[in-house]
Amino acid sequence: MAMLAASRFTVGCVLEEQADSGAPDGEDLPDDFP
């Protein structure tokens, strides 16, 4: 389960990172958004 969780977590993180590669740098985010 740890290997499966780590694998799926990693794929999800990379999916988000690759989808975000062309996004603006938080221009539309509120000032208090981390």
All heavy atoms as atom14 arrays in JSON, in Angstrom:
{
  "sequence": "MAMLAASRFTVGCVLEEQADSGAPDGEDLPDDFP",
  "atom14_mask": [
    [1, 1, 1, 1, 1, 1, 1, 1, 0, 0, 0, 0, 0, 0],
    [1, 1, 1, 1, 1, 0, 0, 0, 0, 0, 0, 0, 0, 0],
    [1, 1, 1, 1, 1, 1, 1, 1, 0, 0, 0, 0, 0, 0],
    [1, 1, 1, 1, 1, 1, 1, 1, 0, 0, 0, 0, 0, 0],
    [1, 1, 1, 1, 1, 0, 0, 0, 0, 0, 0, 0, 0, 0],
    [1, 1, 1, 1, 1, 0, 0, 0, 0, 0, 0, 0, 0, 0],
    [1, 1, 1, 1, 1, 1, 0, 0, 0, 0, 0, 0, 0, 0],
    [1, 1, 1, 1, 1, 1, 1, 1, 1, 1, 1, 0, 0, 0],
    [1, 1, 1, 1, 1, 1, 1, 1, 1, 1, 1, 0, 0, 0],
    [1, 1, 1, 1, 1, 1, 1, 0, 0, 0, 0, 0, 0, 0],
    [1, 1, 1, 1, 1, 1, 1, 0, 0, 0, 0, 0, 0, 0],
    [1, 1, 1, 1, 0, 0, 0, 0, 0, 0, 0, 0, 0, 0],
    [1, 1, 1, 1, 1, 1, 0, 0, 0, 0, 0, 0, 0, 0],
    [1, 1, 1, 1, 1, 1, 1, 0, 0, 0, 0, 0, 0, 0],
    [1, 1, 1, 1, 1, 1, 1, 1, 0, 0, 0, 0, 0, 0],
    [1, 1, 1, 1, 1, 1, 1, 1, 1, 0, 0, 0, 0, 0],
    [1, 1, 1, 1, 1, 1, 1, 1, 1, 0, 0, 0, 0, 0],
    [1, 1, 1, 1, 1, 1, 1, 1, 1, 0, 0, 0, 0, 0],
    [1, 1, 1, 1, 1, 0, 0, 0, 0, 0, 0, 0, 0, 0],
    [1, 1, 1, 1, 1, 1, 1, 1, 0, 0, 0, 0, 0, 0],
    [1, 1, 1, 1, 1, 1, 0, 0, 0, 0, 0, 0, 0, 0],
    [1, 1, 1, 1, 0, 0, 0, 0, 0, 0, 0, 0, 0, 0],
    [1, 1, 1, 1, 1, 0, 0, 0, 0, 0, 0, 0, 0, 0],
    [1, 1, 1, 1, 1, 1, 1, 0, 0, 0, 0, 0, 0, 0],
    [1, 1, 1, 1, 1, 1, 1, 1, 0, 0, 0, 0, 0, 0],
    [1, 1, 1, 1, 0, 0, 0, 0, 0, 0, 0, 0, 0, 0],
    [1, 1, 1, 1, 1, 1, 1, 1, 1, 0, 0, 0, 0, 0],
    [1, 1, 1, 1, 1, 1, 1, 1, 0, 0, 0, 0, 0, 0],
    [1, 1, 1, 1, 1, 1, 1, 1, 0, 0, 0, 0, 0, 0],
    [1, 1, 1, 1, 1, 1, 1, 0, 0, 0, 0, 0, 0, 0],
    [1, 1, 1, 1, 1, 1, 1, 1, 0, 0, 0, 0, 0, 0],
    [1, 1, 1, 1, 1, 1, 1, 1, 0, 0, 0, 0, 0, 0],
    [1, 1, 1, 1, 1, 1, 1, 1, 1, 1, 1, 0, 0, 0],
    [1, 1, 1, 1, 1, 1, 1, 0, 0, 0, 0, 0, 0, 0]
  ],
  "atom14_positions": [
    [[0.82, -1.21, 0.0], [0.0, 0.0, 0.0], [0.85, 1.27, 0.0], [0.51, 2.27, -0.64], [-0.96, 0.01, 1.2], [-2.05, -1.05, 1.12], [-3.14, -0.83, -0.32], [-2.55, -2.12, -1.4], [0.0, 0.0, 0.0], [0.0, 0.0, 0.0], [0.0, 0.0, 0.0], [0.0, 0.0, 0.0], [0.0, 0.0, 0.0], [0.0, 0.0, 0.0]],
    [[1.99, 1.23, 0.68], [2.88, 2.4, 0.7], [3.46, 2.65, -0.68], [3.53, 3.8, -1.14], [4.0, 2.19, 1.72], [0.0, 0.0, 0.0], [0.0, 0.0, 0.0], [0.0, 0.0, 0.0], [0.0, 0.0, 0.0], [0.0, 0.0, 0.0], [0.0, 0.0, 0.0], [0.0, 0.0, 0.0], [0.0, 0.0, 0.0], [0.0, 0.0, 0.0]],
    [[3.87, 1.58, -1.36], [4.42, 1.74, -2.71], [3.33, 2.24, -3.66], [3.6, 3.12, -4.5], [5.01, 0.42, -3.21], [6.27, 0.0, -2.48], [7.66, 1.15, -2.7], [7.98, 0.93, -4.44], [0.0, 0.0, 0.0], [0.0, 0.0, 0.0], [0.0, 0.0, 0.0], [0.0, 0.0, 0.0], [0.0, 0.0, 0.0], [0.0, 0.0, 0.0]],
    [[2.13, 1.72, -3.54], [1.03, 2.16, -4.39], [0.68, 3.62, -4.1], [0.51, 4.44, -5.01], [-0.19, 1.27, -4.19], [-1.41, 1.58, -5.05], [-1.09, 1.43, -6.53], [-2.56, 0.67, -4.66], [0.0, 0.0, 0.0], [0.0, 0.0, 0.0], [0.0, 0.0, 0.0], [0.0, 0.0, 0.0], [0.0, 0.0, 0.0], [0.0, 0.0, 0.0]],
    [[0.58, 3.97, -2.81], [0.25, 5.35, -2.44], [1.33, 6.32, -2.92], [1.02, 7.38, -3.47], [0.09, 5.46, -0.92], [0.0, 0.0, 0.0], [0.0, 0.0, 0.0], [0.0, 0.0, 0.0], [0.0, 0.0, 0.0], [0.0, 0.0, 0.0], [0.0, 0.0, 0.0], [0.0, 0.0, 0.0], [0.0, 0.0, 0.0], [0.0, 0.0, 0.0]],
    [[2.59, 5.97, -2.73], [3.68, 6.84, -3.17], [3.68, 6.99, -4.68], [3.9, 8.09, -5.21], [5.02, 6.31, -2.67], [0.0, 0.0, 0.0], [0.0, 0.0, 0.0], [0.0, 0.0, 0.0], [0.0, 0.0, 0.0], [0.0, 0.0, 0.0], [0.0, 0.0, 0.0], [0.0, 0.0, 0.0], [0.0, 0.0, 0.0], [0.0, 0.0, 0.0]],
    [[3.41, 5.91, -5.38], [3.37, 5.95, -6.85], [2.24, 6.85, -7.34], [2.44, 7.73, -8.19], [3.2, 4.54, -7.4], [3.02, 4.57, -8.8], [0.0, 0.0, 0.0], [0.0, 0.0, 0.0], [0.0, 0.0, 0.0], [0.0, 0.0, 0.0], [0.0, 0.0, 0.0], [0.0, 0.0, 0.0], [0.0, 0.0, 0.0], [0.0, 0.0, 0.0]],
    [[1.06, 6.65, -6.79], [-0.09, 7.45, -7.23], [0.07, 8.92, -6.81], [-0.31, 9.82, -7.56], [-1.38, 6.86, -6.69], [-1.7, 5.55, -7.4], [-2.99, 4.96, -6.95], [-3.3, 3.77, -7.74], [-4.36, 3.02, -7.55], [-5.22, 3.32, -6.59], [-4.56, 1.96, -8.31], [0.0, 0.0, 0.0], [0.0, 0.0, 0.0], [0.0, 0.0, 0.0]],
    [[0.62, 9.14, -5.65], [0.89, 10.5, -5.2], [1.87, 11.17, -6.16], [1.67, 12.32, -6.57], [1.45, 10.49, -3.77], [1.98, 11.82, -3.31], [1.11, 12.85, -3.0], [3.34, 12.03, -3.19], [1.59, 14.09, -2.59], [3.83, 13.26, -2.78], [2.96, 14.29, -2.48], [0.0, 0.0, 0.0], [0.0, 0.0, 0.0], [0.0, 0.0, 0.0]],
    [[2.92, 10.46, -6.54], [3.93, 11.01, -7.43], [3.33, 11.34, -8.79], [3.57, 12.43, -9.34], [5.11, 10.02, -7.58], [5.65, 9.77, -6.28], [6.19, 10.57, -8.49], [0.0, 0.0, 0.0], [0.0, 0.0, 0.0], [0.0, 0.0, 0.0], [0.0, 0.0, 0.0], [0.0, 0.0, 0.0], [0.0, 0.0, 0.0], [0.0, 0.0, 0.0]],
    [[2.54, 10.43, -9.33], [1.9, 10.69, -10.63], [0.99, 11.92, -10.53], [1.01, 12.79, -11.41], [1.11, 9.45, -11.13], [0.25, 9.79, -12.34], [2.07, 8.31, -11.47], [0.0, 0.0, 0.0], [0.0, 0.0, 0.0], [0.0, 0.0, 0.0], [0.0, 0.0, 0.0], [0.0, 0.0, 0.0], [0.0, 0.0, 0.0], [0.0, 0.0, 0.0]],
    [[0.23, 12.02, -9.46], [-0.65, 13.17, -9.28], [0.11, 14.47, -9.17], [-0.29, 15.49, -9.78], [0.0, 0.0, 0.0], [0.0, 0.0, 0.0], [0.0, 0.0, 0.0], [0.0, 0.0, 0.0], [0.0, 0.0, 0.0], [0.0, 0.0, 0.0], [0.0, 0.0, 0.0], [0.0, 0.0, 0.0], [0.0, 0.0, 0.0], [0.0, 0.0, 0.0]],
    [[1.19, 14.46, -8.42], [2.0, 15.67, -8.28], [2.59, 16.1, -9.63], [2.55, 17.28, -9.98], [3.14, 15.45, -7.28], [2.62, 15.49, -5.57], [0.0, 0.0, 0.0], [0.0, 0.0, 0.0], [0.0, 0.0, 0.0], [0.0, 0.0, 0.0], [0.0, 0.0, 0.0], [0.0, 0.0, 0.0], [0.0, 0.0, 0.0], [0.0, 0.0, 0.0]],
    [[3.11, 15.15, -10.37], [3.71, 15.47, -11.67], [2.62, 15.92, -12.64], [2.83, 16.85, -13.43], [4.52, 14.28, -12.22], [4.97, 14.54, -13.65], [5.73, 14.01, -11.33], [0.0, 0.0, 0.0], [0.0, 0.0, 0.0], [0.0, 0.0, 0.0], [0.0, 0.0, 0.0], [0.0, 0.0, 0.0], [0.0, 0.0, 0.0], [0.0, 0.0, 0.0]],
    [[1.46, 15.29, -12.6], [0.36, 15.71, -13.46], [0.01, 17.18, -13.2], [-0.13, 17.98, -14.14], [-0.85, 14.82, -13.21], [-2.07, 15.05, -14.08], [-1.75, 14.73, -15.53], [-3.21, 14.16, -13.6], [0.0, 0.0, 0.0], [0.0, 0.0, 0.0], [0.0, 0.0, 0.0], [0.0, 0.0, 0.0], [0.0, 0.0, 0.0], [0.0, 0.0, 0.0]],
    [[-0.09, 17.56, -11.94], [-0.37, 18.95, -11.58], [0.77, 19.87, -12.04], [0.53, 20.95, -12.57], [-0.57, 19.09, -10.07], [-1.85, 18.48, -9.56], [-3.09, 19.27, -9.95], [-2.98, 20.47, -10.28], [-4.18, 18.69, -9.9], [0.0, 0.0, 0.0], [0.0, 0.0, 0.0], [0.0, 0.0, 0.0], [0.0, 0.0, 0.0], [0.0, 0.0, 0.0]],
    [[1.99, 19.44, -11.81], [3.14, 20.26, -12.17], [3.21, 20.47, -13.68], [3.45, 21.58, -14.17], [4.43, 19.61, -11.66], [5.65, 20.44, -11.85], [6.86, 19.9, -11.12], [6.72, 18.95, -10.31], [7.95, 20.44, -11.34], [0.0, 0.0, 0.0], [0.0, 0.0, 0.0], [0.0, 0.0, 0.0], [0.0, 0.0, 0.0], [0.0, 0.0, 0.0]],
    [[2.99, 19.4, -14.44], [3.06, 19.53, -15.89], [1.88, 20.34, -16.44], [2.03, 21.07, -17.41], [3.14, 18.15, -16.54], [4.49, 17.51, -16.27], [4.64, 16.12, -16.86], [3.69, 15.35, -16.95], [5.86, 15.79, -17.26], [0.0, 0.0, 0.0], [0.0, 0.0, 0.0], [0.0, 0.0, 0.0], [0.0, 0.0, 0.0], [0.0, 0.0, 0.0]],
    [[0.73, 20.25, -15.82], [-0.43, 21.04, -16.25], [-0.23, 22.52, -15.92], [-0.77, 23.39, -16.61], [-1.69, 20.52, -15.57], [0.0, 0.0, 0.0], [0.0, 0.0, 0.0], [0.0, 0.0, 0.0], [0.0, 0.0, 0.0], [0.0, 0.0, 0.0], [0.0, 0.0, 0.0], [0.0, 0.0, 0.0], [0.0, 0.0, 0.0], [0.0, 0.0, 0.0]],
    [[0.55, 22.8, -14.9], [0.77, 24.15, -14.42], [1.92, 24.84, -15.14], [2.15, 26.03, -14.93], [1.05, 24.1, -12.91], [0.94, 25.45, -12.24], [0.16, 26.29, -12.7], [1.64, 25.64, -11.24], [0.0, 0.0, 0.0], [0.0, 0.0, 0.0], [0.0, 0.0, 0.0], [0.0, 0.0, 0.0], [0.0, 0.0, 0.0], [0.0, 0.0, 0.0]],
    [[2.63, 24.14, -16.0], [3.87, 24.69, -16.57], [3.63, 25.95, -17.41], [4.51, 26.79, -17.51], [4.6, 23.63, -17.4], [3.79, 23.24, -18.5], [0.0, 0.0, 0.0], [0.0, 0.0, 0.0], [0.0, 0.0, 0.0], [0.0, 0.0, 0.0], [0.0, 0.0, 0.0], [0.0, 0.0, 0.0], [0.0, 0.0, 0.0], [0.0, 0.0, 0.0]],
    [[2.46, 26.1, -18.0], [2.2, 27.28, -18.8], [1.3, 28.29, -18.13], [0.92, 29.29, -18.73], [0.0, 0.0, 0.0], [0.0, 0.0, 0.0], [0.0, 0.0, 0.0], [0.0, 0.0, 0.0], [0.0, 0.0, 0.0], [0.0, 0.0, 0.0], [0.0, 0.0, 0.0], [0.0, 0.0, 0.0], [0.0, 0.0, 0.0], [0.0, 0.0, 0.0]],
    [[0.94, 28.03, -16.88], [0.01, 28.91, -16.17], [0.73, 30.17, -15.69], [1.91, 30.15, -15.39], [-0.59, 28.18, -14.98], [0.0, 0.0, 0.0], [0.0, 0.0, 0.0], [0.0, 0.0, 0.0], [0.0, 0.0, 0.0], [0.0, 0.0, 0.0], [0.0, 0.0, 0.0], [0.0, 0.0, 0.0], [0.0, 0.0, 0.0], [0.0, 0.0, 0.0]],
    [[-0.03, 31.27, -15.59], [0.58, 32.49, -15.03], [0.98, 32.29, -13.58], [0.44, 31.42, -12.9], [-0.53, 33.54, -15.15], [-1.77, 32.8, -15.51], [-1.4, 31.42, -15.96], [0.0, 0.0, 0.0], [0.0, 0.0, 0.0], [0.0, 0.0, 0.0], [0.0, 0.0, 0.0], [0.0, 0.0, 0.0], [0.0, 0.0, 0.0], [0.0, 0.0, 0.0]],
    [[1.9, 33.06, -13.1], [2.44, 32.91, -11.74], [1.54, 33.53, -10.69], [1.92, 34.46, -10.0], [3.84, 33.52, -11.64], [4.84, 32.77, -12.5], [4.65, 31.56, -12.7], [5.79, 33.41, -12.98], [0.0, 0.0, 0.0], [0.0, 0.0, 0.0], [0.0, 0.0, 0.0], [0.0, 0.0, 0.0], [0.0, 0.0, 0.0], [0.0, 0.0, 0.0]],
    [[0.34, 33.0, -10.53], [-0.54, 33.42, -9.45], [-1.07, 34.82, -9.58], [-1.45, 35.44, -8.59], [0.0, 0.0, 0.0], [0.0, 0.0, 0.0], [0.0, 0.0, 0.0], [0.0, 0.0, 0.0], [0.0, 0.0, 0.0], [0.0, 0.0, 0.0], [0.0, 0.0, 0.0], [0.0, 0.0, 0.0], [0.0, 0.0, 0.0], [0.0, 0.0, 0.0]],
    [[-1.14, 35.34, -10.78], [-1.6, 36.72, -10.97], [-3.04, 36.91, -10.53], [-3.4, 37.97, -10.05], [-1.46, 37.11, -12.45], [-0.02, 37.15, -12.91], [0.08, 37.31, -14.42], [-0.95, 37.45, -15.1], [1.2, 37.3, -14.93], [0.0, 0.0, 0.0], [0.0, 0.0, 0.0], [0.0, 0.0, 0.0], [0.0, 0.0, 0.0], [0.0, 0.0, 0.0]],
    [[-3.87, 35.88, -10.7], [-5.29, 36.0, -10.38], [-5.62, 35.51, -8.96], [-6.78, 35.43, -8.6], [-6.13, 35.2, -11.38], [-5.99, 35.74, -12.79], [-5.77, 36.96, -12.93], [-6.1, 34.95, -13.74], [0.0, 0.0, 0.0], [0.0, 0.0, 0.0], [0.0, 0.0, 0.0], [0.0, 0.0, 0.0], [0.0, 0.0, 0.0], [0.0, 0.0, 0.0]],
    [[-4.62, 35.18, -8.19], [-4.86, 34.64, -6.85], [-4.96, 35.77, -5.82], [-4.29, 36.8, -5.95], [-3.71, 33.7, -6.44], [-3.54, 32.45, -7.3], [-2.3, 31.68, -6.87], [-4.78, 31.57, -7.22], [0.0, 0.0, 0.0], [0.0, 0.0, 0.0], [0.0, 0.0, 0.0], [0.0, 0.0, 0.0], [0.0, 0.0, 0.0], [0.0, 0.0, 0.0]],
    [[-5.78, 35.58, -4.79], [-5.83, 36.57, -3.71], [-4.46, 36.7, -3.04], [-3.65, 35.76, -3.06], [-6.85, 35.99, -2.74], [-7.52, 34.87, -3.43], [-6.66, 34.46, -4.57], [0.0, 0.0, 0.0], [0.0, 0.0, 0.0], [0.0, 0.0, 0.0], [0.0, 0.0, 0.0], [0.0, 0.0, 0.0], [0.0, 0.0, 0.0], [0.0, 0.0, 0.0]],
    [[-4.2, 37.85, -2.45], [-2.91, 38.1, -1.8], [-2.61, 37.12, -0.68], [-1.44, 36.81, -0.43], [-2.86, 39.53, -1.24], [-2.8, 40.56, -2.36], [-2.39, 40.2, -3.48], [-3.19, 41.71, -2.11], [0.0, 0.0, 0.0], [0.0, 0.0, 0.0], [0.0, 0.0, 0.0], [0.0, 0.0, 0.0], [0.0, 0.0, 0.0], [0.0, 0.0, 0.0]],
    [[-3.64, 36.62, 0.01], [-3.41, 35.72, 1.13], [-3.41, 34.24, 0.73], [-3.36, 33.36, 1.58], [-4.45, 35.96, 2.24], [-5.87, 35.68, 1.77], [-6.11, 35.61, 0.55], [-6.74, 35.53, 2.65], [0.0, 0.0, 0.0], [0.0, 0.0, 0.0], [0.0, 0.0, 0.0], [0.0, 0.0, 0.0], [0.0, 0.0, 0.0], [0.0, 0.0, 0.0]],
    [[-3.43, 33.96, -0.56], [-3.4, 32.57, -1.03], [-1.97, 32.05, -0.97], [-1.06, 32.66, -1.54], [-3.92, 32.49, -2.47], [-4.15, 31.1, -2.95], [-5.35, 30.45, -2.68], [-3.18, 30.41, -3.67], [-5.58, 29.16, -3.12], [-3.39, 29.12, -4.11], [-4.6, 28.49, -3.83], [0.0, 0.0, 0.0], [0.0, 0.0, 0.0], [0.0, 0.0, 0.0]],
    [[-1.74, 30.93, -0.26], [-0.37, 30.44, -0.15], [0.12, 29.84, -1.48], [-0.57, 29.04, -2.1], [-0.47, 29.34, 0.92], [-1.89, 28.9, 0.88], [-2.7, 30.09, 0.45], [0.0, 0.0, 0.0], [0.0, 0.0, 0.0], [0.0, 0.0, 0.0], [0.0, 0.0, 0.0], [0.0, 0.0, 0.0], [0.0, 0.0, 0.0], [0.0, 0.0, 0.0]]
  ]
}
